[in-house]
PDB file of N, CA and C in Angstrom:
ATOM      1  N   MET A   1      31.024  41.139  36.052  1.00  0.00           N
ATOM      2  CA  MET A   1      29.885  40.754  35.250  1.00  0.00           C
ATOM      3  C   MET A   1      29.341  39.405  35.683  1.00  0.00           C
ATOM      4  N   TYR A   2      30.237  38.510  36.051  1.00  0.00           N
ATOM      5  CA  TYR A   2      29.794  37.155  36.386  1.00  0.00           C
ATOM      6  C   TYR A   2      28.792  37.156  37.530  1.00  0.00           C
ATOM      7  N   ARG A   3      28.995  38.003  38.504  1.00  0.00           N
ATOM      8  CA  ARG A   3      28.096  38.044  39.664  1.00  0.00           C
ATOM      9  C   ARG A   3      26.740  38.664  39.321  1.00  0.00           C
ATOM     10  N   GLN A   4      26.593  39.195  38.124  1.00  0.00           N
ATOM     11  CA  GLN A   4      25.326  39.781  37.703  1.00  0.00           C
ATOM     12  C   GLN A   4      24.486  38.818  36.868  1.00  0.00           C
ATOM     13  N   ILE A   5      25.031  37.651  36.548  1.00  0.00           N
ATOM     14  CA  ILE A   5      24.325  36.682  35.703  1.00  0.00           C
ATOM     15  C   ILE A   5      23.821  35.531  36.575  1.00  0.00           C
ATOM     16  N   LEU A   6      22.520  35.421  36.689  1.00  0.00           N
ATOM     17  CA  LEU A   6      21.932  34.350  37.493  1.00  0.00           C
ATOM     18  C   LEU A   6      21.910  33.031  36.719  1.00  0.00           C
ATOM     19  N   ILE A   7      22.167  31.960  37.443  1.00  0.00           N
ATOM     20  CA  ILE A   7      22.110  30.606  36.896  1.00  0.00           C
ATOM     21  C   ILE A   7      20.718  30.045  37.168  1.00  0.00           C
ATOM     22  N   LEU A   8      20.161  29.312  36.229  1.00  0.00           N
ATOM     23  CA  LEU A   8      18.851  28.692  36.443  1.00  0.00           C
ATOM     24  C   LEU A   8      18.916  27.783  37.671  1.00  0.00           C
ATOM     25  N   PRO A   9      17.864  27.769  38.486  1.00  0.00           N
ATOM     26  CA  PRO A   9      17.875  26.964  39.713  1.00  0.00           C
ATOM     27  C   PRO A   9      18.235  25.488  39.496  1.00  0.00           C
ATOM     28  N   LYS A  10      17.838  24.893  38.384  1.00  0.00           N
ATOM     29  CA  LYS A  10      18.125  23.470  38.170  1.00  0.00           C
ATOM     30  C   LYS A  10      19.617  23.198  37.984  1.00  0.00           C
ATOM     31  N   TYR A  11      20.426  24.229  37.659  1.00  0.00           N
ATOM     32  CA  TYR A  11      21.864  24.042  37.479  1.00  0.00           C
ATOM     33  C   TYR A  11      22.682  24.471  38.704  1.00  0.00           C
ATOM     34  N   ARG A  12      22.053  25.091  39.670  1.00  0.00           N
ATOM     35  CA  ARG A  12      22.776  25.581  40.840  1.00  0.00           C
ATOM     36  C   ARG A  12      23.364  24.457  41.684  1.00  0.00           C
ATOM     37  N   LYS A  13      22.793  23.286  41.621  1.00  0.00           N
ATOM     38  CA  LYS A  13      23.299  22.162  42.418  1.00  0.00           C
ATOM     39  C   LYS A  13      24.711  21.763  41.985  1.00  0.00           C
ATOM     40  N   PHE A  14      25.127  22.218  40.802  1.00  0.00           N
ATOM     41  CA  PHE A  14      26.472  21.926  40.315  1.00  0.00           C
ATOM     42  C   PHE A  14      27.481  22.999  40.720  1.00  0.00           C
ATOM     43  N   GLN A  15      27.018  23.992  41.453  1.00  0.00           N
ATOM     44  CA  GLN A  15      27.879  25.110  41.845  1.00  0.00           C
ATOM     45  C   GLN A  15      27.941  25.221  43.362  1.00  0.00           C
ATOM     46  N   HIS A  16      28.504  24.248  44.007  1.00  0.00           N
ATOM     47  CA  HIS A  16      28.645  24.280  45.459  1.00  0.00           C
ATOM     48  C   HIS A  16      30.083  24.602  45.827  1.00  0.00           C
ATOM     49  N   VAL A  17      30.231  25.389  46.879  1.00  0.00           N
ATOM     50  CA  VAL A  17      31.541  25.787  47.360  1.00  0.00           C
ATOM     51  C   VAL A  17      31.679  25.318  48.800  1.00  0.00           C
ATOM     52  N   LEU A  18      32.823  24.740  49.105  1.00  0.00           N
ATOM     53  CA  LEU A  18      33.123  24.289  50.463  1.00  0.00           C
ATOM     54  C   LEU A  18      34.344  25.068  50.950  1.00  0.00           C
ATOM     55  N   PRO A  19      34.144  26.095  51.768  1.00  0.00           N
ATOM     56  CA  PRO A  19      35.291  26.865  52.267  1.00  0.00           C
ATOM     57  C   PRO A  19      36.238  25.968  53.076  1.00  0.00           C
ATOM     58  N   HIS A  20      37.514  26.224  52.963  1.00  0.00           N
ATOM     59  CA  HIS A  20      38.502  25.387  53.648  1.00  0.00           C
ATOM     60  C   HIS A  20      38.573  25.647  55.144  1.00  0.00           C
ATOM     61  N   ASP A  21      38.068  26.782  55.614  1.00  0.00           N
ATOM     62  CA  ASP A  21      38.226  27.115  57.028  1.00  0.00           C
ATOM     63  C   ASP A  21      36.955  26.926  57.867  1.00  0.00           C
ATOM     64  N   GLU A  22      35.895  26.406  57.275  1.00  0.00           N
ATOM     65  CA  GLU A  22      34.674  26.160  58.045  1.00  0.00           C
ATOM     66  C   GLU A  22      33.891  24.996  57.440  1.00  0.00           C
ATOM     67  N   LEU A  23      33.051  24.384  58.233  1.00  0.00           N
ATOM     68  CA  LEU A  23      32.259  23.245  57.767  1.00  0.00           C
ATOM     69  C   LEU A  23      30.882  23.719  57.307  1.00  0.00           C
ATOM     70  N   ARG A  24      30.890  24.407  56.187  1.00  0.00           N
ATOM     71  CA  ARG A  24      29.656  24.907  55.594  1.00  0.00           C
ATOM     72  C   ARG A  24      29.717  24.677  54.102  1.00  0.00           C
ATOM     73  N   GLU A  25      28.558  24.590  53.510  1.00  0.00           N
ATOM     74  CA  GLU A  25      28.467  24.420  52.061  1.00  0.00           C
ATOM     75  C   GLU A  25      27.609  25.555  51.521  1.00  0.00           C
ATOM     76  N   TYR A  26      28.073  26.185  50.456  1.00  0.00           N
ATOM     77  CA  TYR A  26      27.356  27.284  49.837  1.00  0.00           C
ATOM     78  C   TYR A  26      26.985  26.905  48.410  1.00  0.00           C
ATOM     79  N   GLU A  27      25.798  27.308  48.006  1.00  0.00           N
ATOM     80  CA  GLU A  27      25.360  27.097  46.633  1.00  0.00           C
ATOM     81  C   GLU A  27      25.361  28.453  45.936  1.00  0.00           C
ATOM     82  N   LEU A  28      26.148  28.577  44.887  1.00  0.00           N
ATOM     83  CA  LEU A  28      26.243  29.841  44.162  1.00  0.00           C
ATOM     84  C   LEU A  28      25.086  29.970  43.169  1.00  0.00           C
ATOM     85  N   HIS A  29      24.527  31.155  43.103  1.00  0.00           N
ATOM     86  CA  HIS A  29      23.391  31.405  42.218  1.00  0.00           C
ATOM     87  C   HIS A  29      23.793  32.190  40.971  1.00  0.00           C
ATOM     88  N   THR A  30      25.045  32.564  40.884  1.00  0.00           N
ATOM     89  CA  THR A  30      25.522  33.330  39.736  1.00  0.00           C
ATOM     90  C   THR A  30      26.680  32.593  39.073  1.00  0.00           C
ATOM     91  N   VAL A  31      27.080  33.077  37.916  1.00  0.00           N
ATOM     92  CA  VAL A  31      28.214  32.480  37.216  1.00  0.00           C
ATOM     93  C   VAL A  31      29.433  32.533  38.125  1.00  0.00           C
ATOM     94  N   THR A  32      30.146  31.446  38.192  1.00  0.00           N
ATOM     95  CA  THR A  32      31.289  31.338  39.087  1.00  0.00           C
ATOM     96  C   THR A  32      32.548  31.848  38.411  1.00  0.00           C
ATOM     97  N   TYR A  33      33.155  32.852  38.997  1.00  0.00           N
ATOM     98  CA  TYR A  33      34.411  33.394  38.489  1.00  0.00           C
ATOM     99  C   TYR A  33      35.513  32.357  38.654  1.00  0.00           C
ATOM    100  N   GLY A  34      36.328  32.193  37.642  1.00  0.00           N
ATOM    101  CA  GLY A  34      37.456  31.288  37.738  1.00  0.00           C
ATOM    102  C   GLY A  34      37.245  29.932  37.092  1.00  0.00           C
ATOM    103  N   VAL A  35      36.013  29.582  36.775  1.00  0.00           N
ATOM    104  CA  VAL A  35      35.802  28.303  36.089  1.00  0.00           C
ATOM    105  C   VAL A  35      35.964  28.519  34.580  1.00  0.00           C
ATOM    106  N   ASN A  36      36.340  27.473  33.882  1.00  0.00           N
ATOM    107  CA  ASN A  36      36.646  27.581  32.451  1.00  0.00           C
ATOM    108  C   ASN A  36      35.497  28.130  31.618  1.00  0.00           C
ATOM    109  N   CYS A  37      34.273  27.835  31.997  1.00  0.00           N
ATOM    110  CA  CYS A  37      33.135  28.230  31.167  1.00  0.00           C
ATOM    111  C   CYS A  37      32.639  29.651  31.454  1.00  0.00           C
ATOM    112  N   ALA A  38      33.148  30.325  32.478  1.00  0.00           N
ATOM    113  CA  ALA A  38      32.638  31.647  32.855  1.00  0.00           C
ATOM    114  C   ALA A  38      32.725  32.670  31.716  1.00  0.00           C
ATOM    115  N   PRO A  39      33.853  32.817  31.032  1.00  0.00           N
ATOM    116  CA  PRO A  39      33.880  33.783  29.921  1.00  0.00           C
ATOM    117  C   PRO A  39      32.887  33.441  28.812  1.00  0.00           C
ATOM    118  N   TYR A  40      32.761  32.147  28.519  1.00  0.00           N
ATOM    119  CA  TYR A  40      31.793  31.736  27.495  1.00  0.00           C
ATOM    120  C   TYR A  40      30.379  32.127  27.915  1.00  0.00           C
ATOM    121  N   LEU A  41      30.021  31.840  29.164  1.00  0.00           N
ATOM    122  CA  LEU A  41      28.673  32.158  29.643  1.00  0.00           C
ATOM    123  C   LEU A  41      28.407  33.661  29.588  1.00  0.00           C
ATOM    124  N   ALA A  42      29.400  34.454  29.954  1.00  0.00           N
ATOM    125  CA  ALA A  42      29.239  35.906  29.910  1.00  0.00           C
ATOM    126  C   ALA A  42      28.992  36.384  28.480  1.00  0.00           C
ATOM    127  N   LEU A  43      29.805  35.906  27.552  1.00  0.00           N
ATOM    128  CA  LEU A  43      29.621  36.308  26.157  1.00  0.00           C
ATOM    129  C   LEU A  43      28.310  35.786  25.583  1.00  0.00           C
ATOM    130  N   ARG A  44      27.922  34.601  25.988  1.00  0.00           N
ATOM    131  CA  ARG A  44      26.663  34.015  25.511  1.00  0.00           C
ATOM    132  C   ARG A  44      25.472  34.859  25.960  1.00  0.00           C
ATOM    133  N   VAL A  45      25.509  35.325  27.196  1.00  0.00           N
ATOM    134  CA  VAL A  45      24.439  36.196  27.697  1.00  0.00           C
ATOM    135  C   VAL A  45      24.374  37.478  26.872  1.00  0.00           C
ATOM    136  N   LEU A  46      25.523  38.076  26.583  1.00  0.00           N
ATOM    137  CA  LEU A  46      25.535  39.299  25.779  1.00  0.00           C
ATOM    138  C   LEU A  46      25.025  39.051  24.365  1.00  0.00           C
ATOM    139  N   LYS A  47      25.350  37.911  23.781  1.00  0.00           N
ATOM    140  CA  LYS A  47      24.846  37.575  22.441  1.00  0.00           C
ATOM    141  C   LYS A  47      23.322  37.423  22.455  1.00  0.00           C
ATOM    142  N   ILE A  48      22.796  36.812  23.501  1.00  0.00           N
ATOM    143  CA  ILE A  48      21.334  36.660  23.604  1.00  0.00           C
ATOM    144  C   ILE A  48      20.672  38.024  23.752  1.00  0.00           C
ATOM    145  N   ILE A  49      21.245  38.879  24.592  1.00  0.00           N
ATOM    146  CA  ILE A  49      20.701  40.234  24.740  1.00  0.00           C
ATOM    147  C   ILE A  49      20.741  40.955  23.399  1.00  0.00           C
ATOM    148  N   ALA A  50      21.839  40.817  22.662  1.00  0.00           N
ATOM    149  CA  ALA A  50      21.962  41.468  21.353  1.00  0.00           C
ATOM    150  C   ALA A  50      20.887  40.989  20.387  1.00  0.00           C
ATOM    151  N   SER A  51      20.563  39.709  20.443  1.00  0.00           N
ATOM    152  CA  SER A  51      19.588  39.174  19.484  1.00  0.00           C
ATOM    153  C   SER A  51      18.142  39.398  19.914  1.00  0.00           C
ATOM    154  N   THR A  52      17.891  39.611  21.197  1.00  0.00           N
ATOM    155  CA  THR A  52      16.501  39.721  21.649  1.00  0.00           C
ATOM    156  C   THR A  52      16.091  41.111  22.136  1.00  0.00           C
ATOM    157  N   ASP A  53      17.036  41.917  22.603  1.00  0.00           N
ATOM    158  CA  ASP A  53      16.673  43.182  23.257  1.00  0.00           C
ATOM    159  C   ASP A  53      17.182  44.425  22.545  1.00  0.00           C
ATOM    160  N   CYS A  54      17.683  44.297  21.340  1.00  0.00           N
ATOM    161  CA  CYS A  54      18.310  45.436  20.671  1.00  0.00           C
ATOM    162  C   CYS A  54      17.535  45.963  19.474  1.00  0.00           C
ATOM    163  N   ASP A  55      16.240  45.677  19.405  1.00  0.00           N
ATOM    164  CA  ASP A  55      15.448  46.244  18.316  1.00  0.00           C
ATOM    165  C   ASP A  55      15.487  47.766  18.427  1.00  0.00           C
ATOM    166  N   GLY A  56      15.910  48.422  17.364  1.00  0.00           N
ATOM    167  CA  GLY A  56      16.031  49.871  17.373  1.00  0.00           C
ATOM    168  C   GLY A  56      17.339  50.369  17.968  1.00  0.00           C
ATOM    169  N   PHE A  57      18.207  49.475  18.356  1.00  0.00           N
ATOM    170  CA  PHE A  57      19.500  49.830  18.940  1.00  0.00           C
ATOM    171  C   PHE A  57      20.614  49.116  18.166  1.00  0.00           C
ATOM    172  N   ASP A  58      20.776  49.458  16.904  1.00  0.00           N
ATOM    173  CA  ASP A  58      21.754  48.780  16.052  1.00  0.00           C
ATOM    174  C   ASP A  58      23.188  48.955  16.550  1.00  0.00           C
ATOM    175  N   ARG A  59      23.523  50.147  17.059  1.00  0.00           N
ATOM    176  CA  ARG A  59      24.883  50.367  17.562  1.00  0.00           C
ATOM    177  C   ARG A  59      25.156  49.504  18.792  1.00  0.00           C
ATOM    178  N   VAL A  60      24.158  49.341  19.643  1.00  0.00           N
ATOM    179  CA  VAL A  60      24.318  48.495  20.826  1.00  0.00           C
ATOM    180  C   VAL A  60      24.480  47.039  20.396  1.00  0.00           C
ATOM    181  N   ARG A  61      23.647  46.595  19.457  1.00  0.00           N
ATOM    182  CA  ARG A  61      23.761  45.231  18.952  1.00  0.00           C
ATOM    183  C   ARG A  61      25.166  44.979  18.402  1.00  0.00           C
ATOM    184  N   ASN A  62      25.667  45.904  17.607  1.00  0.00           N
ATOM    185  CA  ASN A  62      27.001  45.765  17.041  1.00  0.00           C
ATOM    186  C   ASN A  62      28.063  45.720  18.150  1.00  0.00           C
ATOM    187  N   ALA A  63      27.931  46.567  19.133  1.00  0.00           N
ATOM    188  CA  ALA A  63      28.898  46.590  20.236  1.00  0.00           C
ATOM    189  C   ALA A  63      28.897  45.266  20.993  1.00  0.00           C
ATOM    190  N   LEU A  64      27.716  44.725  21.256  1.00  0.00           N
ATOM    191  CA  LEU A  64      27.620  43.481  22.011  1.00  0.00           C
ATOM    192  C   LEU A  64      28.094  42.280  21.196  1.00  0.00           C
ATOM    193  N   GLU A  65      27.859  42.303  19.902  1.00  0.00           N
ATOM    194  CA  GLU A  65      28.234  41.158  19.066  1.00  0.00           C
ATOM    195  C   GLU A  65      29.690  41.198  18.603  1.00  0.00           C
ATOM    196  N   TYR A  66      30.217  42.391  18.330  1.00  0.00           N
ATOM    197  CA  TYR A  66      31.527  42.470  17.675  1.00  0.00           C
ATOM    198  C   TYR A  66      32.591  43.287  18.417  1.00  0.00           C
ATOM    199  N   GLN A  67      32.200  44.029  19.432  1.00  0.00           N
ATOM    200  CA  GLN A  67      33.156  44.906  20.116  1.00  0.00           C
ATOM    201  C   GLN A  67      33.339  44.515  21.584  1.00  0.00           C
ATOM    202  N   THR A  68      33.130  43.245  21.893  1.00  0.00           N
ATOM    203  CA  THR A  68      33.185  42.777  23.274  1.00  0.00           C
ATOM    204  C   THR A  68      34.245  41.700  23.428  1.00  0.00           C
ATOM    205  N   TYR A  69      35.033  41.838  24.486  1.00  0.00           N
ATOM    206  CA  TYR A  69      36.014  40.817  24.835  1.00  0.00           C
ATOM    207  C   TYR A  69      35.762  40.427  26.288  1.00  0.00           C
ATOM    208  N   VAL A  70      35.312  39.220  26.503  1.00  0.00           N
ATOM    209  CA  VAL A  70      34.898  38.683  27.808  1.00  0.00           C
ATOM    210  C   VAL A  70      33.880  39.625  28.435  1.00  0.00           C
ATOM    211  N   ASP A  71      34.290  40.494  29.367  1.00  0.00           N
ATOM    212  CA  ASP A  71      33.308  41.383  29.994  1.00  0.00           C
ATOM    213  C   ASP A  71      33.614  42.857  29.719  1.00  0.00           C
ATOM    214  N   ASP A  72      34.385  43.129  28.677  1.00  0.00           N
ATOM    215  CA  ASP A  72      34.700  44.507  28.293  1.00  0.00           C
ATOM    216  C   ASP A  72      34.092  44.822  26.936  1.00  0.00           C
ATOM    217  N   ILE A  73      33.334  45.906  26.886  1.00  0.00           N
ATOM    218  CA  ILE A  73      32.776  46.391  25.625  1.00  0.00           C
ATOM    219  C   ILE A  73      33.674  47.543  25.185  1.00  0.00           C
ATOM    220  N   CYS A  74      34.332  47.390  24.059  1.00  0.00           N
ATOM    221  CA  CYS A  74      35.303  48.374  23.567  1.00  0.00           C
ATOM    222  C   CYS A  74      34.764  49.000  22.291  1.00  0.00           C
ATOM    223  N   ASP A  75      34.058  50.101  22.434  1.00  0.00           N
ATOM    224  CA  ASP A  75      33.449  50.739  21.278  1.00  0.00           C
ATOM    225  C   ASP A  75      33.546  52.242  21.453  1.00  0.00           C
ATOM    226  N   GLY A  76      33.220  52.966  20.438  1.00  0.00           N
ATOM    227  CA  GLY A  76      33.277  54.416  20.487  1.00  0.00           C
ATOM    228  C   GLY A  76      32.490  55.016  19.350  1.00  0.00           C
ATOM    229  N   ALA A  77      32.711  56.304  19.127  1.00  0.00           N
ATOM    230  CA  ALA A  77      32.015  57.014  18.057  1.00  0.00           C
ATOM    231  C   ALA A  77      32.879  58.185  17.611  1.00  0.00           C
ATOM    232  N   ASP A  78      32.484  58.808  16.517  1.00  0.00           N
ATOM    233  CA  ASP A  78      33.264  59.901  15.951  1.00  0.00           C
ATOM    234  C   ASP A  78      33.000  61.246  16.620  1.00  0.00           C
ATOM    235  N   THR A  79      31.837  61.387  17.261  1.00  0.00           N
ATOM    236  CA  THR A  79      31.511  62.657  17.910  1.00  0.00           C
ATOM    237  C   THR A  79      31.075  62.407  19.345  1.00  0.00           C
ATOM    238  N   ILE A  80      31.187  63.436  20.166  1.00  0.00           N
ATOM    239  CA  ILE A  80      30.771  63.303  21.564  1.00  0.00           C
ATOM    240  C   ILE A  80      29.276  63.004  21.667  1.00  0.00           C
ATOM    241  N   PRO A  81      28.396  63.694  20.937  1.00  0.00           N
ATOM    242  CA  PRO A  81      26.973  63.338  21.023  1.00  0.00           C
ATOM    243  C   PRO A  81      26.693  61.880  20.633  1.00  0.00           C
ATOM    244  N   ASP A  82      27.411  61.384  19.631  1.00  0.00           N
ATOM    245  CA  ASP A  82      27.204  59.990  19.227  1.00  0.00           C
ATOM    246  C   ASP A  82      27.667  59.009  20.296  1.00  0.00           C
ATOM    247  N   VAL A  83      28.795  59.282  20.922  1.00  0.00           N
ATOM    248  CA  VAL A  83      29.272  58.368  21.956  1.00  0.00           C
ATOM    249  C   VAL A  83      28.394  58.467  23.208  1.00  0.00           C
ATOM    250  N   LEU A  84      27.879  59.646  23.518  1.00  0.00           N
ATOM    251  CA  LEU A  84      26.959  59.774  24.656  1.00  0.00           C
ATOM    252  C   LEU A  84      25.661  59.022  24.400  1.00  0.00           C
ATOM    253  N   LYS A  85      25.201  59.030  23.156  1.00  0.00           N
ATOM    254  CA  LYS A  85      23.998  58.266  22.788  1.00  0.00           C
ATOM    255  C   LYS A  85      24.266  56.769  22.917  1.00  0.00           C
ATOM    256  N   LEU A  86      25.408  56.306  22.410  1.00  0.00           N
ATOM    257  CA  LEU A  86      25.784  54.897  22.534  1.00  0.00           C
ATOM    258  C   LEU A  86      25.888  54.501  24.004  1.00  0.00           C
ATOM    259  N   GLN A  87      26.522  55.335  24.785  1.00  0.00           N
ATOM    260  CA  GLN A  87      26.676  55.086  26.215  1.00  0.00           C
ATOM    261  C   GLN A  87      25.306  54.956  26.888  1.00  0.00           C
ATOM    262  N   SER A  88      24.427  55.883  26.617  1.00  0.00           N
ATOM    263  CA  SER A  88      23.086  55.869  27.196  1.00  0.00           C
ATOM    264  C   SER A  88      22.302  54.631  26.763  1.00  0.00           C
ATOM    265  N   ASP A  89      22.404  54.290  25.479  1.00  0.00           N
ATOM    266  CA  ASP A  89      21.686  53.125  24.956  1.00  0.00           C
ATOM    267  C   ASP A  89      22.231  51.819  25.548  1.00  0.00           C
ATOM    268  N   LEU A  90      23.550  51.714  25.703  1.00  0.00           N
ATOM    269  CA  LEU A  90      24.137  50.526  26.332  1.00  0.00           C
ATOM    270  C   LEU A  90      23.634  50.369  27.764  1.00  0.00           C
ATOM    271  N   ILE A  91      23.631  51.464  28.506  1.00  0.00           N
ATOM    272  CA  ILE A  91      23.147  51.429  29.886  1.00  0.00           C
ATOM    273  C   ILE A  91      21.692  50.992  29.923  1.00  0.00           C
ATOM    274  N   SER A  92      20.879  51.531  29.020  1.00  0.00           N
ATOM    275  CA  SER A  92      19.458  51.213  28.975  1.00  0.00           C
ATOM    276  C   SER A  92      19.204  49.752  28.610  1.00  0.00           C
ATOM    277  N   VAL A  93      19.805  49.288  27.527  1.00  0.00           N
ATOM    278  CA  VAL A  93      19.564  47.915  27.053  1.00  0.00           C
ATOM    279  C   VAL A  93      20.068  46.898  28.080  1.00  0.00           C
ATOM    280  N   LEU A  94      21.279  47.060  28.550  1.00  0.00           N
ATOM    281  CA  LEU A  94      21.825  46.086  29.500  1.00  0.00           C
ATOM    282  C   LEU A  94      21.144  46.190  30.863  1.00  0.00           C
ATOM    283  N   GLY A  95      20.694  47.377  31.222  1.00  0.00           N
ATOM    284  CA  GLY A  95      19.964  47.550  32.477  1.00  0.00           C
ATOM    285  C   GLY A  95      18.665  46.767  32.512  1.00  0.00           C
ATOM    286  N   LYS A  96      18.015  46.602  31.370  1.00  0.00           N
ATOM    287  CA  LYS A  96      16.785  45.807  31.308  1.00  0.00           C
ATOM    288  C   LYS A  96      17.033  44.358  31.700  1.00  0.00           C
ATOM    289  N   SER A  97      18.258  43.888  31.513  1.00  0.00           N
ATOM    290  CA  SER A  97      18.615  42.508  31.876  1.00  0.00           C
ATOM    291  C   SER A  97      19.300  42.442  33.235  1.00  0.00           C
ATOM    292  N   GLY A  98      19.327  43.556  33.937  1.00  0.00           N
ATOM    293  CA  GLY A  98      19.926  43.574  35.269  1.00  0.00           C
ATOM    294  C   GLY A  98      21.435  43.698  35.272  1.00  0.00           C
ATOM    295  N   LEU A  99      22.023  44.082  34.144  1.00  0.00           N
ATOM    296  CA  LEU A  99      23.474  44.238  34.066  1.00  0.00           C
ATOM    297  C   LEU A  99      23.842  45.710  34.207  1.00  0.00           C
ATOM    298  N   GLU A 100      24.684  46.009  35.171  1.00  0.00           N
ATOM    299  CA  GLU A 100      25.145  47.373  35.399  1.00  0.00           C
ATOM    300  C   GLU A 100      26.558  47.509  34.842  1.00  0.00           C
ATOM    301  N   LEU A 101      26.751  48.478  33.961  1.00  0.00           N
ATOM    302  CA  LEU A 101      28.067  48.697  33.369  1.00  0.00           C
ATOM    303  C   LEU A 101      28.965  49.465  34.336  1.00  0.00           C
ATOM    304  N   LYS A 102      30.242  49.079  34.359  1.00  0.00           N
ATOM    305  CA  LYS A 102      31.236  49.718  35.217  1.00  0.00           C
ATOM    306  C   LYS A 102      32.517  49.882  34.419  1.00  0.00           C
ATOM    307  N   LYS A 103      33.534  50.450  35.035  1.00  0.00           N
ATOM    308  CA  LYS A 103      34.861  50.601  34.428  1.00  0.00           C
ATOM    309  C   LYS A 103      34.840  51.386  33.121  1.00  0.00           C
ATOM    310  N   TRP A 104      34.251  52.543  33.111  1.00  0.00           N
ATOM    311  CA  TRP A 104      34.222  53.361  31.905  1.00  0.00           C
ATOM    312  C   TRP A 104      35.590  53.981  31.670  1.00  0.00           C
ATOM    313  N   ALA A 105      35.971  54.100  30.412  1.00  0.00           N
ATOM    314  CA  ALA A 105      37.216  54.765  30.037  1.00  0.00           C
ATOM    315  C   ALA A 105      36.962  55.619  28.804  1.00  0.00           C
ATOM    316  N   SER A 106      37.554  56.788  28.786  1.00  0.00           N
ATOM    317  CA  SER A 106      37.427  57.678  27.642  1.00  0.00           C
ATOM    318  C   SER A 106      38.527  58.732  27.720  1.00  0.00           C
ATOM    319  N   ASN A 107      38.904  59.266  26.575  1.00  0.00           N
ATOM    320  CA  ASN A 107      39.849  60.380  26.561  1.00  0.00           C
ATOM    321  C   ASN A 107      39.114  61.714  26.535  1.00  0.00           C
ATOM    322  N   THR A 108      37.799  61.682  26.715  1.00  0.00           N
ATOM    323  CA  THR A 108      36.976  62.883  26.721  1.00  0.00           C
ATOM    324  C   THR A 108      36.245  62.996  28.059  1.00  0.00           C
ATOM    325  N   PRO A 109      36.549  64.018  28.855  1.00  0.00           N
ATOM    326  CA  PRO A 109      35.922  64.154  30.179  1.00  0.00           C
ATOM    327  C   PRO A 109      34.395  64.186  30.149  1.00  0.00           C
ATOM    328  N   ALA A 110      33.799  64.745  29.116  1.00  0.00           N
ATOM    329  CA  ALA A 110      32.334  64.831  29.047  1.00  0.00           C
ATOM    330  C   ALA A 110      31.688  63.452  29.032  1.00  0.00           C
ATOM    331  N   VAL A 111      32.361  62.502  28.427  1.00  0.00           N
ATOM    332  CA  VAL A 111      31.823  61.140  28.354  1.00  0.00           C
ATOM    333  C   VAL A 111      31.825  60.516  29.752  1.00  0.00           C
ATOM    334  N   LEU A 112      32.916  60.658  30.466  1.00  0.00           N
ATOM    335  CA  LEU A 112      33.000  60.103  31.822  1.00  0.00           C
ATOM    336  C   LEU A 112      32.075  60.837  32.781  1.00  0.00           C
ATOM    337  N   GLN A 113      31.954  62.136  32.600  1.00  0.00           N
ATOM    338  CA  GLN A 113      31.081  62.925  33.455  1.00  0.00           C
ATOM    339  C   GLN A 113      29.629  62.475  33.341  1.00  0.00           C
ATOM    340  N   ALA A 114      29.210  62.070  32.163  1.00  0.00           N
ATOM    341  CA  ALA A 114      27.833  61.621  31.941  1.00  0.00           C
ATOM    342  C   ALA A 114      27.513  60.371  32.748  1.00  0.00           C
ATOM    343  N   VAL A 115      28.508  59.554  33.015  1.00  0.00           N
ATOM    344  CA  VAL A 115      28.294  58.317  33.768  1.00  0.00           C
ATOM    345  C   VAL A 115      28.459  58.535  35.262  1.00  0.00           C
ATOM    346  N   TYR A 116      29.512  59.228  35.650  1.00  0.00           N
ATOM    347  CA  TYR A 116      29.857  59.324  37.067  1.00  0.00           C
ATOM    348  C   TYR A 116      29.177  60.456  37.802  1.00  0.00           C
ATOM    349  N   GLN A 117      28.571  61.377  37.096  1.00  0.00           N
ATOM    350  CA  GLN A 117      27.811  62.437  37.742  1.00  0.00           C
ATOM    351  C   GLN A 117      26.398  62.430  37.183  1.00  0.00           C
ATOM    352  N   PRO A 118      25.446  61.863  37.956  1.00  0.00           N
ATOM    353  CA  PRO A 118      24.070  61.796  37.441  1.00  0.00           C
ATOM    354  C   PRO A 118      23.479  63.172  37.226  1.00  0.00           C
ATOM    355  N   PRO A 119      22.525  63.273  36.334  1.00  0.00           N
ATOM    356  CA  PRO A 119      21.861  64.572  36.097  1.00  0.00           C
ATOM    357  C   PRO A 119      21.271  65.107  37.403  1.00  0.00           C
ATOM    358  N   ILE A 120      21.121  66.401  37.489  1.00  0.00           N
ATOM    359  CA  ILE A 120      20.641  67.044  38.715  1.00  0.00           C
ATOM    360  C   ILE A 120      19.263  66.510  39.100  1.00  0.00           C
ATOM    361  N   ALA A 121      18.408  66.195  38.151  1.00  0.00           N
ATOM    362  CA  ALA A 121      17.075  65.666  38.465  1.00  0.00           C
ATOM    363  C   ALA A 121      17.154  64.382  39.274  1.00  0.00           C
ATOM    364  N   TRP A 122      18.206  63.575  39.066  1.00  0.00           N
ATOM    365  CA  TRP A 122      18.363  62.323  39.795  1.00  0.00           C
ATOM    366  C   TRP A 122      18.870  62.551  41.214  1.00  0.00           C
ATOM    367  N   ALA A 123      19.546  63.659  41.430  1.00  0.00           N
ATOM    368  CA  ALA A 123      20.197  63.885  42.715  1.00  0.00           C
ATOM    369  C   ALA A 123      19.196  64.008  43.862  1.00  0.00           C
ATOM    370  N   HIS A 124      17.951  64.342  43.570  1.00  0.00           N
ATOM    371  CA  HIS A 124      16.958  64.549  44.623  1.00  0.00           C
ATOM    372  C   HIS A 124      16.049  63.343  44.843  1.00  0.00           C
ATOM    373  N   LEU A 125      16.314  62.231  44.182  1.00  0.00           N
ATOM    374  CA  LEU A 125      15.458  61.049  44.354  1.00  0.00           C
ATOM    375  C   LEU A 125      15.750  60.325  45.637  1.00  0.00           C
TER     376      LEU A 125
END
């Protein structure tokens, strides 16, 4: 998730990396994995998305605000159609901010199939 969150250009000057095996300097444009503030920044981004991009998506808002631990969203539903709707809505809302969801887990194959096997209409694009 950290590599999907861009840092504002004015703060990038504070994110320089000097590799130990070469004389080069790199400026990171995304949240840096391993620094103390990275989990906070990730959760903060999700909270902002929940407050600004979830109109009409109450289940997504709830998942982002209350069912998230660092970069894992741990939520579900009582029926397969409900969880497929939540899954689709999460992908849609977070996709608008450039965040791609990965690492899906479920005890129901239909839920995983919906993510890992795109609909046939997409296969010809």
